[in-house]
């Protein structure tokens, strides 16, 4: 199977039996299908990271001065697959800005994009 030109491998198994004679033949099969990789779009990753970091814009929340500023992700392919339970090899970043002793501090933080065994995204610091 493919999605937007990206091939998605599946494991398909069948269980069952056949019975009967030439005149009365029957088949009883049960099929299961499981994707071996999950499919993600760059836009869904960007959107989820922005949601997870509590931001839908690019300005720091005055109510929460520790909230990240400018959540962003690496240049991701438009569509990509990932192994369930593994890091994708891609990262998202956020900026933390603060001021102590009249000195402005700005820090970029990388978050590895991870896909859990059920195909859900998370961002590991």
Protein backbone atom coordinates (compact mmCIF):
# COMPACT_ATOMS: atom_id res chain seq x y z
CA UNK A 1 0.00 0.00 0.00
CA UNK A 2 1.20 3.55 -0.58
CA UNK A 3 0.14 6.99 0.63
CA UNK A 4 1.19 10.14 -1.22
CA UNK A 5 3.89 8.10 -2.97
CA UNK A 6 5.31 6.63 0.27
CA UNK A 7 5.14 2.84 0.53
CA UNK A 8 3.67 1.49 3.76
CA UNK A 9 4.46 -2.17 4.48
CA UNK A 10 1.76 -4.31 6.11
CA UNK A 11 1.78 -7.75 7.71
CA UNK A 12 -1.29 -9.68 6.57
CA UNK A 13 -2.05 -13.11 8.03
CA UNK A 14 -4.89 -15.50 7.46
CA UNK A 15 -6.20 -18.37 9.52
CA UNK A 16 -8.80 -20.84 8.47
CA UNK A 17 -9.61 -23.98 6.62
CA UNK A 18 -11.43 -25.35 3.67
CA UNK A 19 -13.87 -28.19 3.78
CA UNK A 20 -16.31 -30.14 1.63
CA UNK A 21 -16.24 -32.02 -1.59
CA UNK A 22 -16.28 -30.97 -5.24
CA UNK A 23 -20.01 -30.20 -5.15
CA UNK A 24 -20.17 -28.45 -1.73
CA UNK A 25 -16.93 -26.58 -1.06
CA UNK A 26 -16.59 -23.91 1.67
CA UNK A 27 -13.83 -21.69 2.95
CA UNK A 28 -13.70 -20.15 6.40
CA UNK A 29 -10.84 -17.66 6.77
CA UNK A 30 -10.11 -14.80 9.17
CA UNK A 31 -7.64 -12.15 8.02
CA UNK A 32 -5.68 -9.72 10.18
CA UNK A 33 -3.65 -6.78 8.90
CA UNK A 34 -1.14 -4.68 10.79
CA UNK A 35 1.00 -1.85 9.42
CA UNK A 36 4.72 -2.41 10.06
CA UNK A 37 5.34 1.34 9.90
CA UNK A 38 3.23 4.35 10.77
CA UNK A 39 2.57 7.18 8.31
CA UNK A 40 2.95 10.83 9.31
CA UNK A 41 2.68 14.12 7.48
CA UNK A 42 4.95 17.07 8.20
CA UNK A 43 1.90 19.26 8.84
CA UNK A 44 0.48 16.86 11.45
CA UNK A 45 3.86 16.74 13.25
CA UNK A 46 4.15 20.56 13.23
CA UNK A 47 0.58 20.91 14.49
CA UNK A 48 0.98 18.32 17.23
CA UNK A 49 4.25 19.81 18.47
CA UNK A 50 2.70 23.28 18.61
CA UNK A 51 -0.24 21.83 20.54
CA UNK A 52 2.03 19.88 22.90
CA UNK A 53 4.14 22.91 23.67
CA UNK A 54 1.00 24.90 24.40
CA UNK A 55 1.50 27.31 21.55
CA UNK A 56 -0.45 27.97 18.39
CA UNK A 57 1.46 31.12 17.53
CA UNK A 58 4.97 32.45 17.77
CA UNK A 59 4.83 34.79 20.76
CA UNK A 60 5.51 34.02 24.37
CA UNK A 61 2.47 33.88 26.66
CA UNK A 62 2.68 36.79 29.15
CA UNK A 63 0.75 34.66 31.67
CA UNK A 64 3.44 31.95 31.50
CA UNK A 65 6.92 33.42 31.02
CA UNK A 66 8.42 29.90 30.93
CA UNK A 67 6.26 28.82 27.96
CA UNK A 68 8.28 28.03 24.83
CA UNK A 69 8.55 30.57 22.05
CA UNK A 70 8.53 29.70 18.35
CA UNK A 71 7.93 25.95 18.43
CA UNK A 72 9.28 24.52 15.19
CA UNK A 73 10.47 21.30 13.61
CA UNK A 74 13.28 20.26 11.28
CA UNK A 75 12.47 20.32 7.63
CA UNK A 76 10.40 17.20 7.49
CA UNK A 77 9.43 15.37 4.32
CA UNK A 78 5.82 16.04 3.35
CA UNK A 79 4.99 12.40 4.19
CA UNK A 80 7.23 9.89 5.99
CA UNK A 81 7.00 6.52 7.70
CA UNK A 82 8.36 5.56 11.11
CA UNK A 83 8.92 2.31 12.98
CA UNK A 84 6.54 1.99 15.96
CA UNK A 85 8.43 2.31 19.24
CA UNK A 86 11.38 4.14 17.67
CA UNK A 87 12.75 7.65 17.25
CA UNK A 88 12.17 8.97 13.74
CA UNK A 89 15.55 10.67 13.31
CA UNK A 90 13.81 14.05 13.13
CA UNK A 91 13.63 16.80 15.74
CA UNK A 92 11.44 19.68 16.82
CA UNK A 93 12.78 22.69 18.68
CA UNK A 94 11.53 25.35 21.00
CA UNK A 95 13.15 28.45 22.43
CA UNK A 96 13.13 29.30 26.10
CA UNK A 97 13.83 32.92 26.90
CA UNK A 98 14.42 34.36 30.33
CA UNK A 99 16.08 37.19 32.14
CA UNK A 100 18.16 36.91 35.29
CA UNK A 101 20.22 39.73 36.77
CA UNK A 102 19.31 41.93 33.78
CA UNK A 103 20.87 39.41 31.38
CA UNK A 104 18.69 37.96 28.63
CA UNK A 105 19.08 34.19 28.15
CA UNK A 106 17.88 32.40 25.03
CA UNK A 107 18.14 28.64 24.69
CA UNK A 108 17.16 26.30 21.86
CA UNK A 109 15.94 22.90 23.01
CA UNK A 110 15.83 19.87 20.71
CA UNK A 111 13.07 17.31 21.12
CA UNK A 112 13.44 14.00 19.27
CA UNK A 113 10.27 12.97 17.43
CA UNK A 114 9.30 9.52 18.74
CA UNK A 115 6.51 7.19 17.67
CA UNK A 116 5.19 4.85 20.37
CA UNK A 117 4.17 1.24 19.73
CA UNK A 118 0.61 2.36 18.97
CA UNK A 119 1.75 4.95 16.42
CA UNK A 120 1.26 8.05 18.57
CA UNK A 121 3.78 10.90 18.42
CA UNK A 122 5.73 12.22 21.37
CA UNK A 123 8.61 14.65 21.65
CA UNK A 124 11.51 13.58 23.84
CA UNK A 125 13.76 16.18 25.42
